[in-house]
N, C-alpha and C. Protein backbone atom coordinates (compact mmCIF):
# COMPACT_ATOMS: atom_id res chain seq x y z
N MET A 1 -59.91 -82.09 18.20
CA MET A 1 -59.77 -81.44 19.49
C MET A 1 -59.17 -82.42 20.49
N ASN A 2 -58.28 -81.93 21.30
CA ASN A 2 -57.66 -82.73 22.34
C ASN A 2 -58.60 -82.74 23.56
N VAL A 3 -58.94 -83.92 24.03
CA VAL A 3 -59.86 -84.07 25.17
C VAL A 3 -59.35 -83.31 26.39
N PHE A 4 -58.05 -83.28 26.59
CA PHE A 4 -57.50 -82.66 27.79
C PHE A 4 -57.58 -81.13 27.77
N ASP A 5 -58.00 -80.55 26.66
CA ASP A 5 -58.18 -79.11 26.57
C ASP A 5 -59.62 -78.67 26.87
N VAL A 6 -60.51 -79.63 27.07
CA VAL A 6 -61.93 -79.34 27.28
C VAL A 6 -62.18 -78.86 28.71
N GLU A 7 -62.98 -77.81 28.82
CA GLU A 7 -63.41 -77.32 30.14
C GLU A 7 -64.73 -77.97 30.50
N ILE A 8 -64.84 -78.42 31.75
CA ILE A 8 -66.07 -79.05 32.21
C ILE A 8 -66.14 -78.95 33.73
N GLY A 9 -67.33 -78.81 34.24
CA GLY A 9 -67.51 -78.72 35.68
C GLY A 9 -67.44 -80.08 36.35
N ALA A 10 -67.09 -80.08 37.61
CA ALA A 10 -67.13 -81.29 38.43
C ALA A 10 -68.56 -81.48 38.94
N LEU A 11 -68.94 -82.70 39.21
CA LEU A 11 -70.30 -83.00 39.64
C LEU A 11 -70.67 -82.27 40.93
N THR A 12 -69.78 -82.25 41.86
CA THR A 12 -70.11 -81.70 43.18
C THR A 12 -69.76 -80.22 43.30
N GLY A 13 -69.62 -79.56 42.18
CA GLY A 13 -69.34 -78.13 42.21
C GLY A 13 -67.91 -77.82 41.84
N GLY A 14 -67.69 -76.61 41.44
CA GLY A 14 -66.36 -76.20 41.01
C GLY A 14 -66.09 -76.72 39.62
N PHE A 15 -64.88 -76.51 39.18
CA PHE A 15 -64.51 -76.92 37.84
C PHE A 15 -63.24 -77.74 37.88
N PHE A 16 -63.16 -78.69 36.96
CA PHE A 16 -61.88 -79.32 36.68
C PHE A 16 -61.04 -78.25 35.97
N THR A 17 -61.66 -77.14 35.58
CA THR A 17 -61.15 -76.09 34.71
C THR A 17 -61.00 -76.66 33.31
N ASP A 18 -60.14 -77.59 33.17
CA ASP A 18 -60.07 -78.37 31.95
C ASP A 18 -59.62 -79.76 32.38
N LEU A 19 -59.61 -80.65 31.48
CA LEU A 19 -59.26 -82.03 31.82
C LEU A 19 -57.76 -82.27 31.79
N SER A 20 -56.97 -81.19 31.74
CA SER A 20 -55.52 -81.32 31.64
C SER A 20 -54.90 -82.01 32.85
N GLN A 21 -55.62 -82.04 33.98
CA GLN A 21 -55.08 -82.74 35.15
C GLN A 21 -54.91 -84.24 34.88
N PHE A 22 -55.59 -84.74 33.84
CA PHE A 22 -55.48 -86.16 33.50
C PHE A 22 -54.47 -86.42 32.38
N ARG A 23 -53.89 -85.34 31.83
CA ARG A 23 -52.89 -85.49 30.76
C ARG A 23 -51.77 -86.41 31.23
N GLY A 24 -51.37 -87.30 30.35
CA GLY A 24 -50.33 -88.27 30.69
C GLY A 24 -50.90 -89.58 31.20
N ASN A 25 -52.21 -89.61 31.44
CA ASN A 25 -52.89 -90.83 31.86
C ASN A 25 -53.90 -91.23 30.81
N ALA A 26 -54.27 -92.49 30.81
CA ALA A 26 -55.38 -92.94 29.99
C ALA A 26 -56.67 -92.56 30.73
N LEU A 27 -57.72 -92.32 29.98
CA LEU A 27 -58.99 -91.88 30.55
C LEU A 27 -60.10 -92.71 29.92
N LEU A 28 -60.97 -93.30 30.74
CA LEU A 28 -62.13 -94.00 30.24
C LEU A 28 -63.34 -93.13 30.57
N VAL A 29 -63.94 -92.54 29.55
CA VAL A 29 -65.06 -91.61 29.70
C VAL A 29 -66.35 -92.38 29.46
N VAL A 30 -67.28 -92.29 30.42
CA VAL A 30 -68.53 -93.07 30.35
C VAL A 30 -69.71 -92.18 30.71
N ASN A 31 -70.72 -92.12 29.84
CA ASN A 31 -71.93 -91.38 30.20
C ASN A 31 -72.80 -92.27 31.10
N LEU A 32 -73.16 -91.72 32.25
CA LEU A 32 -73.81 -92.47 33.32
C LEU A 32 -75.28 -92.13 33.47
N ALA A 33 -76.03 -93.06 34.06
CA ALA A 33 -77.42 -92.83 34.45
C ALA A 33 -77.74 -93.74 35.63
N SER A 34 -78.46 -93.20 36.60
CA SER A 34 -78.77 -93.92 37.83
C SER A 34 -79.96 -94.86 37.72
N ARG A 35 -80.82 -94.66 36.74
CA ARG A 35 -82.06 -95.43 36.64
C ARG A 35 -82.14 -96.21 35.33
N CYS A 36 -81.06 -96.80 34.94
CA CYS A 36 -80.95 -97.51 33.67
C CYS A 36 -80.73 -98.99 33.95
N GLY A 37 -81.16 -99.84 33.05
CA GLY A 37 -80.89 -101.26 33.19
C GLY A 37 -79.40 -101.57 33.17
N LEU A 38 -78.59 -100.66 32.66
CA LEU A 38 -77.14 -100.86 32.61
C LEU A 38 -76.42 -100.25 33.81
N THR A 39 -77.16 -99.64 34.73
CA THR A 39 -76.55 -98.99 35.89
C THR A 39 -75.64 -99.90 36.70
N PRO A 40 -75.91 -101.21 36.80
CA PRO A 40 -74.97 -102.09 37.52
C PRO A 40 -73.54 -102.06 36.95
N GLN A 41 -73.34 -101.49 35.76
CA GLN A 41 -71.98 -101.35 35.23
C GLN A 41 -71.11 -100.47 36.12
N TYR A 42 -71.72 -99.70 37.01
CA TYR A 42 -70.93 -98.94 37.98
C TYR A 42 -69.93 -99.86 38.70
N VAL A 43 -70.33 -101.09 38.99
CA VAL A 43 -69.47 -102.03 39.70
C VAL A 43 -68.19 -102.28 38.88
N GLY A 44 -68.35 -102.57 37.61
CA GLY A 44 -67.19 -102.81 36.75
C GLY A 44 -66.35 -101.58 36.54
N LEU A 45 -66.99 -100.43 36.44
CA LEU A 45 -66.23 -99.18 36.30
C LEU A 45 -65.39 -98.91 37.53
N GLN A 46 -65.95 -99.15 38.71
CA GLN A 46 -65.19 -98.96 39.94
C GLN A 46 -64.04 -99.96 40.01
N MET A 47 -64.28 -101.19 39.57
CA MET A 47 -63.22 -102.20 39.55
C MET A 47 -62.08 -101.76 38.62
N LEU A 48 -62.41 -101.23 37.45
CA LEU A 48 -61.37 -100.73 36.55
C LEU A 48 -60.60 -99.58 37.19
N HIS A 49 -61.32 -98.68 37.82
CA HIS A 49 -60.70 -97.54 38.49
C HIS A 49 -59.70 -98.03 39.55
N GLU A 50 -60.10 -98.98 40.35
CA GLU A 50 -59.21 -99.50 41.40
C GLU A 50 -58.06 -100.32 40.84
N THR A 51 -58.34 -101.12 39.83
CA THR A 51 -57.32 -102.02 39.27
C THR A 51 -56.22 -101.26 38.54
N TYR A 52 -56.60 -100.23 37.78
CA TYR A 52 -55.64 -99.58 36.89
C TYR A 52 -55.18 -98.19 37.31
N ALA A 53 -55.70 -97.67 38.39
CA ALA A 53 -55.35 -96.29 38.77
C ALA A 53 -53.85 -96.10 38.95
N GLU A 54 -53.20 -97.01 39.62
CA GLU A 54 -51.75 -96.87 39.86
C GLU A 54 -50.93 -96.98 38.58
N ARG A 55 -51.52 -97.56 37.53
CA ARG A 55 -50.82 -97.70 36.25
C ARG A 55 -51.21 -96.60 35.27
N GLY A 56 -52.06 -95.65 35.74
CA GLY A 56 -52.33 -94.49 34.91
C GLY A 56 -53.66 -94.44 34.21
N LEU A 57 -54.70 -95.12 34.72
CA LEU A 57 -56.03 -95.00 34.15
C LEU A 57 -56.93 -94.25 35.12
N THR A 58 -57.71 -93.32 34.60
CA THR A 58 -58.77 -92.67 35.37
C THR A 58 -60.08 -92.97 34.67
N VAL A 59 -61.06 -93.46 35.42
CA VAL A 59 -62.42 -93.58 34.92
C VAL A 59 -63.09 -92.24 35.21
N LEU A 60 -63.72 -91.66 34.21
CA LEU A 60 -64.40 -90.38 34.36
C LEU A 60 -65.87 -90.58 34.03
N GLY A 61 -66.72 -90.46 35.05
CA GLY A 61 -68.15 -90.60 34.86
C GLY A 61 -68.77 -89.27 34.43
N VAL A 62 -69.68 -89.35 33.45
CA VAL A 62 -70.31 -88.16 32.90
C VAL A 62 -71.83 -88.36 32.93
N PRO A 63 -72.50 -87.89 33.96
CA PRO A 63 -73.95 -88.05 34.01
C PRO A 63 -74.65 -87.31 32.87
N SER A 64 -75.67 -87.96 32.33
CA SER A 64 -76.48 -87.35 31.27
C SER A 64 -77.92 -87.85 31.43
N ASN A 65 -78.86 -86.96 31.23
CA ASN A 65 -80.28 -87.29 31.36
C ASN A 65 -80.96 -87.35 30.00
N GLN A 66 -80.21 -87.62 28.94
CA GLN A 66 -80.77 -87.56 27.59
C GLN A 66 -81.46 -88.83 27.14
N PHE A 67 -81.39 -89.90 27.90
CA PHE A 67 -81.97 -91.17 27.47
C PHE A 67 -83.06 -91.57 28.44
N ALA A 68 -84.30 -91.34 28.05
CA ALA A 68 -85.49 -91.72 28.82
C ALA A 68 -85.50 -91.15 30.24
N ASP A 69 -84.91 -89.98 30.41
CA ASP A 69 -84.88 -89.32 31.72
C ASP A 69 -84.37 -90.24 32.83
N GLN A 70 -83.32 -91.00 32.53
CA GLN A 70 -82.81 -91.97 33.49
C GLN A 70 -81.74 -91.42 34.44
N GLU A 71 -81.45 -90.12 34.33
CA GLU A 71 -80.54 -89.47 35.29
C GLU A 71 -81.15 -88.14 35.70
N PRO A 72 -82.28 -88.18 36.43
CA PRO A 72 -82.98 -86.95 36.77
C PRO A 72 -82.45 -86.24 38.01
N GLY A 73 -81.58 -86.87 38.76
CA GLY A 73 -81.18 -86.35 40.06
C GLY A 73 -80.36 -85.08 40.02
N THR A 74 -80.27 -84.47 41.19
CA THR A 74 -79.39 -83.33 41.39
C THR A 74 -77.96 -83.85 41.48
N PRO A 75 -76.99 -82.97 41.39
CA PRO A 75 -75.61 -83.43 41.55
C PRO A 75 -75.39 -84.16 42.88
N ALA A 76 -75.93 -83.65 43.95
CA ALA A 76 -75.76 -84.31 45.25
C ALA A 76 -76.41 -85.69 45.26
N GLU A 77 -77.58 -85.81 44.64
CA GLU A 77 -78.26 -87.11 44.59
C GLU A 77 -77.48 -88.11 43.74
N ILE A 78 -76.95 -87.65 42.62
CA ILE A 78 -76.17 -88.53 41.75
C ILE A 78 -74.92 -89.03 42.49
N ALA A 79 -74.21 -88.12 43.13
CA ALA A 79 -72.99 -88.49 43.85
C ALA A 79 -73.29 -89.46 44.99
N GLU A 80 -74.34 -89.20 45.75
CA GLU A 80 -74.71 -90.07 46.86
C GLU A 80 -75.13 -91.45 46.37
N PHE A 81 -75.91 -91.50 45.31
CA PHE A 81 -76.33 -92.77 44.74
C PHE A 81 -75.11 -93.60 44.32
N ALA A 82 -74.21 -93.00 43.58
CA ALA A 82 -73.04 -93.72 43.07
C ALA A 82 -72.17 -94.22 44.22
N ARG A 83 -71.98 -93.39 45.24
CA ARG A 83 -71.13 -93.77 46.36
C ARG A 83 -71.79 -94.82 47.23
N SER A 84 -73.04 -94.58 47.63
CA SER A 84 -73.69 -95.48 48.59
C SER A 84 -74.14 -96.79 47.96
N THR A 85 -74.55 -96.78 46.71
CA THR A 85 -75.05 -97.99 46.06
C THR A 85 -73.93 -98.84 45.48
N PHE A 86 -72.92 -98.20 44.91
CA PHE A 86 -71.88 -98.94 44.20
C PHE A 86 -70.47 -98.69 44.71
N GLY A 87 -70.31 -97.84 45.71
CA GLY A 87 -68.99 -97.55 46.23
C GLY A 87 -68.12 -96.80 45.24
N ALA A 88 -68.73 -96.09 44.31
CA ALA A 88 -67.97 -95.40 43.26
C ALA A 88 -67.15 -94.26 43.85
N THR A 89 -65.86 -94.27 43.53
CA THR A 89 -64.94 -93.22 43.98
C THR A 89 -64.28 -92.50 42.81
N PHE A 90 -64.57 -92.92 41.58
CA PHE A 90 -63.95 -92.26 40.43
C PHE A 90 -64.58 -90.88 40.24
N PRO A 91 -63.84 -89.95 39.63
CA PRO A 91 -64.37 -88.59 39.46
C PRO A 91 -65.55 -88.56 38.49
N MET A 92 -66.43 -87.59 38.72
CA MET A 92 -67.58 -87.39 37.84
C MET A 92 -67.70 -85.91 37.49
N THR A 93 -68.19 -85.68 36.29
CA THR A 93 -68.39 -84.32 35.81
C THR A 93 -69.82 -83.87 36.12
N GLU A 94 -70.07 -82.61 35.81
CA GLU A 94 -71.43 -82.09 35.85
C GLU A 94 -72.28 -82.87 34.86
N LYS A 95 -73.60 -82.83 35.04
CA LYS A 95 -74.53 -83.47 34.11
C LYS A 95 -74.54 -82.65 32.82
N ILE A 96 -74.39 -83.34 31.68
CA ILE A 96 -74.30 -82.65 30.39
C ILE A 96 -75.15 -83.34 29.33
N ASP A 97 -75.28 -82.68 28.18
CA ASP A 97 -75.85 -83.28 26.99
C ASP A 97 -74.72 -83.92 26.19
N VAL A 98 -74.95 -85.16 25.76
CA VAL A 98 -73.94 -85.87 24.97
C VAL A 98 -74.31 -85.91 23.49
N ASN A 99 -75.54 -85.53 23.16
CA ASN A 99 -76.05 -85.49 21.79
C ASN A 99 -76.78 -84.18 21.55
N GLY A 100 -77.05 -83.91 20.30
CA GLY A 100 -77.90 -82.79 19.94
C GLY A 100 -77.19 -81.46 19.87
N PRO A 101 -77.98 -80.39 19.72
CA PRO A 101 -77.40 -79.07 19.52
C PRO A 101 -76.63 -78.54 20.73
N ASP A 102 -76.93 -79.07 21.90
CA ASP A 102 -76.23 -78.64 23.11
C ASP A 102 -75.17 -79.65 23.56
N ARG A 103 -74.74 -80.50 22.62
CA ARG A 103 -73.70 -81.49 22.94
C ARG A 103 -72.49 -80.78 23.53
N HIS A 104 -72.03 -81.29 24.66
CA HIS A 104 -70.87 -80.71 25.32
C HIS A 104 -69.62 -80.92 24.46
N PRO A 105 -68.68 -79.97 24.48
CA PRO A 105 -67.44 -80.13 23.70
C PRO A 105 -66.68 -81.42 24.00
N LEU A 106 -66.80 -81.96 25.21
CA LEU A 106 -66.13 -83.23 25.50
C LEU A 106 -66.63 -84.30 24.54
N TYR A 107 -67.94 -84.39 24.38
CA TYR A 107 -68.47 -85.42 23.48
C TYR A 107 -68.28 -85.07 22.01
N ALA A 108 -68.19 -83.80 21.70
CA ALA A 108 -67.85 -83.41 20.33
C ALA A 108 -66.46 -83.94 19.98
N ALA A 109 -65.58 -84.03 20.96
CA ALA A 109 -64.22 -84.53 20.74
C ALA A 109 -64.16 -86.06 20.70
N LEU A 110 -65.24 -86.73 21.10
CA LEU A 110 -65.22 -88.19 21.20
C LEU A 110 -66.01 -88.91 20.12
N VAL A 111 -67.13 -88.35 19.69
CA VAL A 111 -68.12 -89.12 18.92
C VAL A 111 -67.68 -89.60 17.54
N ASP A 112 -66.62 -89.05 17.00
CA ASP A 112 -66.19 -89.50 15.67
C ASP A 112 -65.42 -90.82 15.71
N VAL A 113 -65.05 -91.27 16.90
CA VAL A 113 -64.32 -92.54 17.02
C VAL A 113 -65.32 -93.69 16.87
N PRO A 114 -65.05 -94.63 15.95
CA PRO A 114 -65.98 -95.75 15.77
C PRO A 114 -65.74 -96.86 16.80
N ASP A 115 -66.80 -97.62 17.09
CA ASP A 115 -66.64 -98.80 17.93
C ASP A 115 -66.28 -99.99 17.05
N ALA A 116 -66.20 -101.17 17.62
CA ALA A 116 -65.80 -102.36 16.88
C ALA A 116 -66.76 -102.69 15.74
N GLY A 117 -68.02 -102.29 15.87
CA GLY A 117 -69.00 -102.53 14.82
C GLY A 117 -69.06 -101.43 13.78
N GLY A 118 -68.21 -100.40 13.93
CA GLY A 118 -68.15 -99.31 12.97
C GLY A 118 -69.05 -98.13 13.29
N HIS A 119 -69.77 -98.17 14.42
CA HIS A 119 -70.65 -97.05 14.77
C HIS A 119 -69.83 -95.87 15.26
N SER A 120 -70.09 -94.71 14.66
CA SER A 120 -69.56 -93.45 15.16
C SER A 120 -70.71 -92.46 15.15
N GLY A 121 -70.48 -91.30 15.68
CA GLY A 121 -71.55 -90.30 15.74
C GLY A 121 -72.27 -90.34 17.07
N ASP A 122 -73.57 -90.05 17.03
CA ASP A 122 -74.35 -89.91 18.26
C ASP A 122 -74.18 -91.07 19.24
N ILE A 123 -74.25 -90.71 20.51
CA ILE A 123 -74.25 -91.69 21.58
C ILE A 123 -75.59 -92.43 21.51
N ARG A 124 -75.56 -93.75 21.62
CA ARG A 124 -76.77 -94.54 21.45
C ARG A 124 -77.57 -94.70 22.74
N TRP A 125 -76.87 -94.75 23.87
CA TRP A 125 -77.56 -94.99 25.14
C TRP A 125 -76.59 -94.72 26.27
N ASN A 126 -77.09 -94.86 27.48
CA ASN A 126 -76.25 -94.71 28.67
C ASN A 126 -75.13 -95.76 28.66
N PHE A 127 -74.03 -95.41 29.26
CA PHE A 127 -72.89 -96.30 29.47
C PHE A 127 -72.10 -96.62 28.21
N GLU A 128 -72.13 -95.72 27.24
CA GLU A 128 -71.21 -95.82 26.11
C GLU A 128 -69.84 -95.37 26.63
N LYS A 129 -68.80 -96.09 26.24
CA LYS A 129 -67.47 -95.87 26.81
C LYS A 129 -66.49 -95.44 25.74
N PHE A 130 -65.63 -94.48 26.10
CA PHE A 130 -64.57 -94.01 25.21
C PHE A 130 -63.25 -94.09 25.95
N LEU A 131 -62.25 -94.64 25.30
CA LEU A 131 -60.90 -94.69 25.86
C LEU A 131 -60.08 -93.58 25.22
N VAL A 132 -59.45 -92.77 26.07
CA VAL A 132 -58.62 -91.66 25.62
C VAL A 132 -57.18 -91.98 25.98
N ALA A 133 -56.28 -91.81 25.02
CA ALA A 133 -54.85 -92.06 25.22
C ALA A 133 -54.23 -90.98 26.10
N PRO A 134 -53.07 -91.24 26.68
CA PRO A 134 -52.40 -90.25 27.52
C PRO A 134 -52.11 -88.91 26.83
N ASP A 135 -52.14 -88.88 25.49
CA ASP A 135 -51.91 -87.61 24.77
C ASP A 135 -53.22 -86.85 24.52
N GLY A 136 -54.38 -87.41 24.94
CA GLY A 136 -55.65 -86.72 24.81
C GLY A 136 -56.46 -87.06 23.58
N THR A 137 -56.02 -88.04 22.79
CA THR A 137 -56.78 -88.44 21.61
C THR A 137 -57.66 -89.64 21.96
N ALA A 138 -58.89 -89.61 21.47
CA ALA A 138 -59.80 -90.74 21.67
C ALA A 138 -59.35 -91.87 20.76
N ILE A 139 -59.19 -93.07 21.34
CA ILE A 139 -58.63 -94.19 20.57
C ILE A 139 -59.55 -95.40 20.48
N ALA A 140 -60.58 -95.48 21.32
CA ALA A 140 -61.47 -96.64 21.26
C ALA A 140 -62.84 -96.24 21.79
N ARG A 141 -63.85 -96.97 21.30
CA ARG A 141 -65.23 -96.74 21.71
C ARG A 141 -65.88 -98.10 21.94
N PHE A 142 -66.67 -98.19 22.99
CA PHE A 142 -67.34 -99.44 23.32
C PHE A 142 -68.83 -99.18 23.50
N ALA A 143 -69.64 -100.01 22.88
CA ALA A 143 -71.10 -99.88 22.94
C ALA A 143 -71.58 -99.97 24.38
N PRO A 144 -72.75 -99.40 24.66
CA PRO A 144 -73.27 -99.42 26.02
C PRO A 144 -73.36 -100.81 26.64
N GLN A 145 -73.72 -101.81 25.84
CA GLN A 145 -73.88 -103.17 26.38
C GLN A 145 -72.57 -103.88 26.67
N VAL A 146 -71.45 -103.34 26.20
CA VAL A 146 -70.15 -103.94 26.48
C VAL A 146 -69.81 -103.65 27.95
N GLU A 147 -69.68 -104.70 28.71
CA GLU A 147 -69.40 -104.58 30.14
C GLU A 147 -67.99 -104.01 30.35
N PRO A 148 -67.80 -103.22 31.40
CA PRO A 148 -66.46 -102.69 31.68
C PRO A 148 -65.40 -103.79 31.85
N GLU A 149 -65.83 -104.97 32.31
CA GLU A 149 -64.89 -106.07 32.54
C GLU A 149 -64.62 -106.90 31.29
N ALA A 150 -65.21 -106.54 30.15
CA ALA A 150 -65.05 -107.31 28.92
C ALA A 150 -63.58 -107.38 28.50
N PRO A 151 -63.17 -108.52 27.95
CA PRO A 151 -61.77 -108.68 27.54
C PRO A 151 -61.30 -107.60 26.57
N GLU A 152 -62.17 -107.16 25.65
CA GLU A 152 -61.75 -106.15 24.69
C GLU A 152 -61.51 -104.79 25.34
N VAL A 153 -62.23 -104.50 26.42
CA VAL A 153 -62.00 -103.26 27.15
C VAL A 153 -60.65 -103.35 27.88
N ALA A 154 -60.43 -104.46 28.57
CA ALA A 154 -59.16 -104.64 29.29
C ALA A 154 -57.97 -104.59 28.33
N ALA A 155 -58.09 -105.23 27.17
CA ALA A 155 -56.98 -105.23 26.20
C ALA A 155 -56.69 -103.82 25.71
N ALA A 156 -57.71 -103.04 25.42
CA ALA A 156 -57.51 -101.67 24.97
C ALA A 156 -56.88 -100.81 26.06
N ILE A 157 -57.34 -100.99 27.29
CA ILE A 157 -56.77 -100.24 28.42
C ILE A 157 -55.30 -100.60 28.59
N GLU A 158 -54.98 -101.88 28.56
CA GLU A 158 -53.58 -102.32 28.72
C GLU A 158 -52.68 -101.65 27.69
N LYS A 159 -53.14 -101.54 26.45
CA LYS A 159 -52.34 -100.90 25.39
C LYS A 159 -52.17 -99.41 25.62
N ALA A 160 -53.17 -98.79 26.25
CA ALA A 160 -53.16 -97.33 26.41
C ALA A 160 -52.46 -96.86 27.67
N LEU A 161 -52.24 -97.74 28.63
CA LEU A 161 -51.65 -97.33 29.90
C LEU A 161 -50.26 -96.74 29.72
N PRO A 162 -49.97 -95.66 30.42
CA PRO A 162 -48.66 -95.04 30.29
C PRO A 162 -47.56 -95.76 31.08
N ARG A 163 -47.95 -96.59 32.03
CA ARG A 163 -46.95 -97.31 32.85
C ARG A 163 -47.46 -98.67 33.23
């Protein structure tokens, strides 16, 4: 499945309709949580968003409450937390399930991509990252503990950028 054909709601209401508005750009998809030990990664995600936006990267935050109830907030609370605490300006989707029988089609399109250690399948924790090429295919996966500023993330993004 092409990621850009997936329909998903925006965090603050309405729909992206589908993710086709990002077609032609690289996309870094990250499942987010506000009450996780990895939540400070918002800083690095915002830095990537600012650094690479003009060259064709969009960071897409995907809130999920599937890991120890670490994203319990309402859409308004999640958006306010991200903006006021970390200055996050990258787009975010509605809160979804990334695992299990109610896994959103976005994650169904992503989970078969292995990370550097060979892990594919279920999302292990908050802040697992997927890089999507400008044609909508998932091309890289990074474990939750891999910081957004890690050299391997930057190298993969550089290869995927359309300009």
